[in-house]
């Protein structure tokens, strides 16, 4: 991961001063580097001996970083990982364009690796992530969104990159479809668990824990699983509250307090946690098929880490 971080900083360089400034702002802001770590771990767990996994890991992190830059513009977010977002410092236009630059650098590194299969996996994920973003935008502030709709959105928006990041490991190691499928399943279910835990933390966490303002999802009118469950289980008056809060923007601090109370009343957070743990167990089982190694242990540990953030 030290080599990955060095490559990330190198590839974020440019003669256009604004590009490394914005890239460095987000890259150095304390992200967990989960996705590139999974690429490294997956390759090593399958016995890969070369160094091309470093470039693919950096590509994965650039894809993720570009998505964050674009997300913050779409969501009009002011805080990311406990720091002001790039858009609040340099503006929306610069954030979007630097995100595009990072995507370009990601694909450049993918091509340099020379694996058409790895390129196909990561480029397909890039398209799926964009579809998920558009889908989420279309569903924003719509209380008609169902649990199945929401899972489909986060499957595309979040889980697709986790899945691709892990699947390229066995590809580099020359493994077959069985190994690739196991890693797809691991990454997808880990990504779903990760996102659902984030959804819960938005209503249970502090700024220090989450790296953004607690309740941001609520204030932005984001329809997440706890909201969907509380709405579906509520009476007519409660449903009217959710429509006013999420669709009409009546989401001040008093409304946020009531939202939390309704989630507590109807067990919405607990059910979301149960879903996250179910996905986590599926991911854990997929990684257990790997031969015993420190890399395998790391992949199992990531599952525990993602779910244990709730404790």
Protein backbone atom coordinates (compact mmCIF):
# COMPACT_ATOMS: atom_id res chain seq x y z
CA UNK A 1 0.00 0.00 0.00
CA UNK A 2 2.98 2.30 0.44
CA UNK A 3 3.80 1.78 -3.23
CA UNK A 4 0.17 2.37 -4.14
CA UNK A 5 0.13 5.66 -2.24
CA UNK A 6 3.35 6.79 -3.92
CA UNK A 7 1.89 6.00 -7.34
CA UNK A 8 -1.34 7.80 -6.51
CA UNK A 9 0.55 10.97 -5.59
CA UNK A 10 2.73 10.69 -8.70
CA UNK A 11 -0.22 10.19 -11.07
CA UNK A 12 -2.10 13.09 -9.48
CA UNK A 13 0.67 15.43 -10.59
CA UNK A 14 0.18 17.95 -13.38
CA UNK A 15 1.62 21.19 -14.71
CA UNK A 16 -1.86 22.63 -14.20
CA UNK A 17 -1.48 23.72 -10.58
CA UNK A 18 -5.14 23.34 -9.65
CA UNK A 19 -5.16 19.61 -10.46
CA UNK A 20 -2.63 18.43 -7.84
CA UNK A 21 -4.01 20.92 -5.32
CA UNK A 22 -7.51 19.49 -5.49
CA UNK A 23 -6.36 15.89 -5.85
CA UNK A 24 -4.01 16.20 -2.89
CA UNK A 25 -6.79 17.77 -0.81
CA UNK A 26 -8.94 14.67 -1.15
CA UNK A 27 -6.24 12.01 -1.43
CA UNK A 28 -4.54 13.12 1.79
CA UNK A 29 -7.75 13.59 3.78
CA UNK A 30 -7.61 10.31 5.67
CA UNK A 31 -9.61 7.95 3.49
CA UNK A 32 -9.52 4.31 4.47
CA UNK A 33 -8.10 3.15 1.09
CA UNK A 34 -10.32 0.09 1.39
CA UNK A 35 -10.84 -0.49 -2.31
CA UNK A 36 -7.18 -0.44 -3.43
CA UNK A 37 -6.26 -2.50 -0.38
CA UNK A 38 -8.76 -5.12 -1.53
CA UNK A 39 -7.14 -5.21 -4.97
CA UNK A 40 -3.72 -5.81 -3.40
CA UNK A 41 -5.05 -8.40 -0.96
CA UNK A 42 -7.07 -10.25 -3.59
CA UNK A 43 -4.09 -10.51 -5.95
CA UNK A 44 -1.78 -11.75 -3.18
CA UNK A 45 -4.40 -14.16 -1.85
CA UNK A 46 -4.46 -15.80 -5.29
CA UNK A 47 -0.69 -16.15 -5.40
CA UNK A 48 0.11 -13.25 -7.75
CA UNK A 49 3.88 -12.62 -7.86
CA UNK A 50 4.23 -9.51 -10.03
CA UNK A 51 3.74 -5.80 -9.40
CA UNK A 52 0.90 -4.89 -11.78
CA UNK A 53 -1.59 -5.08 -8.91
CA UNK A 54 -0.11 -1.81 -7.65
CA UNK A 55 -1.23 0.04 -10.80
CA UNK A 56 -4.68 -1.53 -10.71
CA UNK A 57 -5.04 -0.61 -7.03
CA UNK A 58 -4.12 3.01 -7.81
CA UNK A 59 -6.61 2.96 -10.69
CA UNK A 60 -9.34 1.77 -8.35
CA UNK A 61 -8.59 4.54 -5.87
CA UNK A 62 -8.63 7.17 -8.63
CA UNK A 63 -12.00 5.89 -9.82
CA UNK A 64 -13.30 6.19 -6.26
CA UNK A 65 -11.79 9.64 -5.72
CA UNK A 66 -13.27 10.93 -8.98
CA UNK A 67 -16.67 9.64 -7.89
CA UNK A 68 -16.36 11.48 -4.56
CA UNK A 69 -15.52 14.75 -6.31
CA UNK A 70 -18.53 14.37 -8.62
CA UNK A 71 -20.81 13.20 -5.77
CA UNK A 72 -20.07 16.24 -3.65
CA UNK A 73 -21.05 18.51 -6.51
CA UNK A 74 -24.29 16.65 -7.20
CA UNK A 75 -25.17 16.45 -3.49
CA UNK A 76 -23.98 20.01 -2.77
CA UNK A 77 -22.01 18.59 0.17
CA UNK A 78 -19.91 20.90 2.34
CA UNK A 79 -18.03 18.27 4.38
CA UNK A 80 -16.06 15.17 3.38
CA UNK A 81 -13.98 13.12 5.85
CA UNK A 82 -14.12 15.94 8.37
CA UNK A 83 -12.79 18.56 5.93
CA UNK A 84 -14.38 21.09 3.62
CA UNK A 85 -15.18 19.53 0.27
CA UNK A 86 -13.21 20.56 -2.81
CA UNK A 87 -16.30 22.20 -4.27
CA UNK A 88 -16.58 24.59 -1.32
CA UNK A 89 -12.93 25.65 -1.74
CA UNK A 90 -12.38 25.63 -5.51
CA UNK A 91 -15.92 25.50 -6.89
CA UNK A 92 -18.06 22.97 -8.70
CA UNK A 93 -16.49 23.35 -12.13
CA UNK A 94 -12.95 22.65 -10.95
CA UNK A 95 -14.11 19.67 -8.88
CA UNK A 96 -15.88 18.04 -11.82
CA UNK A 97 -12.97 18.62 -14.20
CA UNK A 98 -10.34 17.30 -11.78
CA UNK A 99 -12.55 14.27 -11.24
CA UNK A 100 -12.48 13.75 -15.01
CA UNK A 101 -8.68 14.05 -14.99
CA UNK A 102 -8.39 11.37 -12.30
CA UNK A 103 -10.64 9.05 -14.29
CA UNK A 104 -8.39 9.57 -17.29
CA UNK A 105 -5.32 8.72 -15.22
CA UNK A 106 -7.06 5.63 -13.89
CA UNK A 107 -7.69 4.32 -17.39
CA UNK A 108 -4.16 5.18 -18.44
CA UNK A 109 -2.80 2.93 -15.68
CA UNK A 110 -5.26 0.17 -16.57
CA UNK A 111 -4.03 0.18 -20.15
CA UNK A 112 -0.40 0.09 -18.98
CA UNK A 113 -1.17 -3.12 -17.05
CA UNK A 114 -1.96 -4.77 -20.38
CA UNK A 115 -4.75 -7.07 -19.19
CA UNK A 116 -7.85 -6.82 -21.35
CA UNK A 117 -9.85 -8.75 -18.77
CA UNK A 118 -8.89 -6.37 -15.98
CA UNK A 119 -9.61 -3.39 -18.23
CA UNK A 120 -13.01 -4.86 -19.11
CA UNK A 121 -13.90 -5.39 -15.44
CA UNK A 122 -12.93 -1.89 -14.29
CA UNK A 123 -14.32 -0.05 -17.31
CA UNK A 124 -17.63 -1.89 -16.95
CA UNK A 125 -17.70 -0.90 -13.29
CA UNK A 126 -17.11 2.73 -14.23
CA UNK A 127 -20.19 2.69 -16.46
CA UNK A 128 -22.29 0.92 -13.82
CA UNK A 129 -21.27 3.45 -11.16
CA UNK A 130 -22.33 6.31 -13.43
CA UNK A 131 -25.66 4.58 -14.04
CA UNK A 132 -26.12 4.23 -10.30
CA UNK A 133 -25.45 7.92 -9.80
CA UNK A 134 -28.04 8.89 -12.40
CA UNK A 135 -30.51 6.38 -10.96
CA UNK A 136 -30.03 7.83 -7.49
CA UNK A 137 -30.52 11.35 -8.86
CA UNK A 138 -33.78 10.28 -10.51
CA UNK A 139 -34.97 8.66 -7.27
CA UNK A 140 -33.86 11.55 -5.05
CA UNK A 141 -36.53 12.87 -2.70
CA UNK A 142 -39.05 10.30 -3.93
CA UNK A 143 -40.72 8.47 -1.07
CA UNK A 144 -42.07 5.92 -3.55
CA UNK A 145 -38.58 4.36 -3.61
CA UNK A 146 -38.79 0.75 -2.40
CA UNK A 147 -36.17 -1.28 -0.55
CA UNK A 148 -35.52 -3.28 -3.74
CA UNK A 149 -35.05 -0.05 -5.71
CA UNK A 150 -32.61 1.26 -3.14
CA UNK A 151 -30.54 -1.91 -3.00
CA UNK A 152 -30.31 -1.83 -6.80
CA UNK A 153 -29.01 1.76 -6.63
CA UNK A 154 -26.30 1.04 -4.06
CA UNK A 155 -25.45 -2.19 -5.86
CA UNK A 156 -24.48 -0.01 -8.82
CA UNK A 157 -23.26 3.10 -7.04
CA UNK A 158 -21.15 1.51 -4.31
CA UNK A 159 -20.90 -2.27 -4.57
CA UNK A 160 -19.82 -2.34 -8.24
CA UNK A 161 -16.40 -0.83 -7.49
CA UNK A 162 -15.83 -3.11 -4.49
CA UNK A 163 -16.66 -6.08 -6.71
CA UNK A 164 -14.40 -4.97 -9.56
CA UNK A 165 -11.55 -4.11 -7.18
CA UNK A 166 -11.49 -7.66 -5.85
CA UNK A 167 -12.21 -9.52 -9.11
CA UNK A 168 -9.10 -8.16 -10.84
CA UNK A 169 -6.97 -9.99 -8.24
CA UNK A 170 -7.58 -13.52 -9.58
CA UNK A 171 -7.46 -12.16 -13.14
CA UNK A 172 -3.88 -10.97 -12.63
CA UNK A 173 -3.02 -14.31 -11.03
CA UNK A 174 -4.37 -16.19 -14.05
CA UNK A 175 -7.17 -17.90 -12.13
CA UNK A 176 -10.45 -19.12 -13.60
CA UNK A 177 -14.11 -18.21 -13.44
CA UNK A 178 -14.73 -19.90 -10.08
CA UNK A 179 -12.15 -17.71 -8.36
CA UNK A 180 -13.38 -14.62 -10.16
CA UNK A 181 -16.98 -15.29 -9.14
CA UNK A 182 -15.99 -15.77 -5.51
CA UNK A 183 -14.26 -12.40 -5.53
CA UNK A 184 -17.16 -10.72 -7.33
CA UNK A 185 -19.49 -12.06 -4.65
CA UNK A 186 -17.13 -11.01 -1.87
CA UNK A 187 -16.73 -7.47 -3.18
CA UNK A 188 -20.39 -6.94 -4.01
CA UNK A 189 -21.68 -8.08 -0.63
CA UNK A 190 -18.96 -6.18 1.22
CA UNK A 191 -19.90 -3.04 -0.71
CA UNK A 192 -23.59 -3.43 0.12
CA UNK A 193 -22.79 -3.97 3.80
CA UNK A 194 -20.45 -0.96 3.79
CA UNK A 195 -23.11 1.35 2.34
CA UNK A 196 -25.86 0.19 4.68
CA UNK A 197 -23.58 0.77 7.67
CA UNK A 198 -22.94 4.29 6.36
CA UNK A 199 -26.70 4.81 6.14
CA UNK A 200 -27.10 3.89 9.80
CA UNK A 201 -24.14 5.99 10.92
CA UNK A 202 -25.70 9.09 9.38
CA UNK A 203 -28.39 8.88 12.04
CA UNK A 204 -26.33 7.47 14.90
CA UNK A 205 -22.85 8.92 14.59
CA UNK A 206 -20.94 12.07 15.45
CA UNK A 207 -18.93 14.26 13.07
CA UNK A 208 -15.70 12.76 14.42
CA UNK A 209 -16.90 9.23 13.67
CA UNK A 210 -18.39 9.85 10.26
CA UNK A 211 -16.27 12.60 8.75
CA UNK A 212 -19.31 14.58 7.71
CA UNK A 213 -22.17 16.33 9.42
CA UNK A 214 -24.54 13.91 11.13
CA UNK A 215 -27.92 13.96 9.39
CA UNK A 216 -26.52 15.17 6.07
CA UNK A 217 -28.38 12.43 4.20
CA UNK A 218 -31.62 13.62 5.82
CA UNK A 219 -31.00 17.29 5.05
CA UNK A 220 -30.13 16.44 1.43
CA UNK A 221 -33.34 14.46 1.05
CA UNK A 222 -31.49 11.21 0.43
CA UNK A 223 -33.78 8.22 0.51
CA UNK A 224 -31.74 5.59 2.33
CA UNK A 225 -32.89 2.26 3.75
CA UNK A 226 -33.64 3.51 7.29
CA UNK A 227 -35.92 6.18 5.79
CA UNK A 228 -37.65 3.68 3.51
CA UNK A 229 -38.30 1.25 6.37
CA UNK A 230 -39.56 3.93 8.77
CA UNK A 231 -41.86 5.28 6.06
CA UNK A 232 -43.26 1.88 5.13
CA UNK A 233 -43.92 0.98 8.78
CA UNK A 234 -45.43 4.35 9.74
CA UNK A 235 -49.03 5.48 9.98
CA UNK A 236 -50.63 8.11 7.74
CA UNK A 237 -49.38 11.01 9.85
CA UNK A 238 -45.84 9.68 9.90
CA UNK A 239 -45.89 9.12 6.16
CA UNK A 240 -46.96 12.75 5.73
CA UNK A 241 -43.99 13.81 7.89
CA UNK A 242 -41.54 11.85 5.74
CA UNK A 243 -42.97 13.30 2.52
CA UNK A 244 -42.69 16.83 3.90
CA UNK A 245 -39.15 16.24 5.14
CA UNK A 246 -37.69 14.38 2.18
CA UNK A 247 -39.71 15.67 -0.76
CA UNK A 248 -40.47 19.25 0.35
CA UNK A 249 -37.29 20.01 2.28
CA UNK A 250 -38.86 20.49 5.72
CA UNK A 251 -35.75 19.03 7.36
CA UNK A 252 -34.55 21.32 10.14
CA UNK A 253 -33.02 20.07 13.40
CA UNK A 254 -36.43 19.43 14.95
CA UNK A 255 -37.42 17.35 11.94
CA UNK A 256 -34.17 15.40 12.16
CA UNK A 257 -34.87 14.64 15.83
CA UNK A 258 -38.33 13.36 14.93
CA UNK A 259 -36.91 11.30 12.09
CA UNK A 260 -34.54 9.59 14.52
CA UNK A 261 -37.40 8.97 16.94
CA UNK A 262 -39.54 7.38 14.22
CA UNK A 263 -36.64 5.19 13.10
CA UNK A 264 -36.21 4.07 16.70
CA UNK A 265 -39.93 3.42 17.11
CA UNK A 266 -40.14 1.21 14.02
CA UNK A 267 -36.78 -0.53 14.32
CA UNK A 268 -35.60 0.90 11.00
CA UNK A 269 -31.95 1.21 12.03
CA UNK A 270 -31.92 -2.25 13.59
CA UNK A 271 -33.34 -3.81 10.43
CA UNK A 272 -30.77 -1.97 8.31
CA UNK A 273 -28.02 -3.29 10.58
CA UNK A 274 -29.39 -6.82 10.18
CA UNK A 275 -29.30 -6.44 6.39
CA UNK A 276 -25.71 -5.17 6.57
CA UNK A 277 -24.66 -8.12 8.73
CA UNK A 278 -26.33 -10.55 6.32
CA UNK A 279 -24.37 -9.11 3.40
CA UNK A 280 -21.23 -9.15 5.53
CA UNK A 281 -21.68 -12.83 6.33
CA UNK A 282 -22.04 -13.62 2.62
CA UNK A 283 -18.85 -11.70 1.86
CA UNK A 284 -17.04 -13.48 4.70
CA UNK A 285 -18.10 -16.88 3.38
CA UNK A 286 -16.82 -16.02 -0.12
CA UNK A 287 -13.40 -15.02 1.22
CA UNK A 288 -13.19 -18.16 3.34
CA UNK A 289 -12.88 -20.16 0.11
CA UNK A 290 -9.38 -18.71 -0.36
CA UNK A 291 -6.25 -20.59 0.72
CA UNK A 292 -4.98 -19.57 4.15
CA UNK A 293 -2.65 -16.57 3.93
CA UNK A 294 -2.12 -13.13 5.52
CA UNK A 295 -3.93 -11.61 2.52
CA UNK A 296 -6.97 -13.82 3.10
CA UNK A 297 -6.94 -12.85 6.78
CA UNK A 298 -6.88 -9.18 5.76
CA UNK A 299 -9.91 -9.66 3.51
CA UNK A 300 -11.81 -11.38 6.29
CA UNK A 301 -10.77 -8.60 8.66
CA UNK A 302 -12.13 -5.94 6.32
CA UNK A 303 -15.59 -7.50 6.58
CA UNK A 304 -15.43 -7.33 10.38
CA UNK A 305 -14.14 -3.75 10.22
CA UNK A 306 -16.98 -2.58 7.97
CA UNK A 307 -19.72 -4.00 10.16
CA UNK A 308 -18.00 -3.25 13.49
CA UNK A 309 -18.14 0.48 12.71
CA UNK A 310 -21.64 0.23 14.16
CA UNK A 311 -20.31 -0.64 17.63
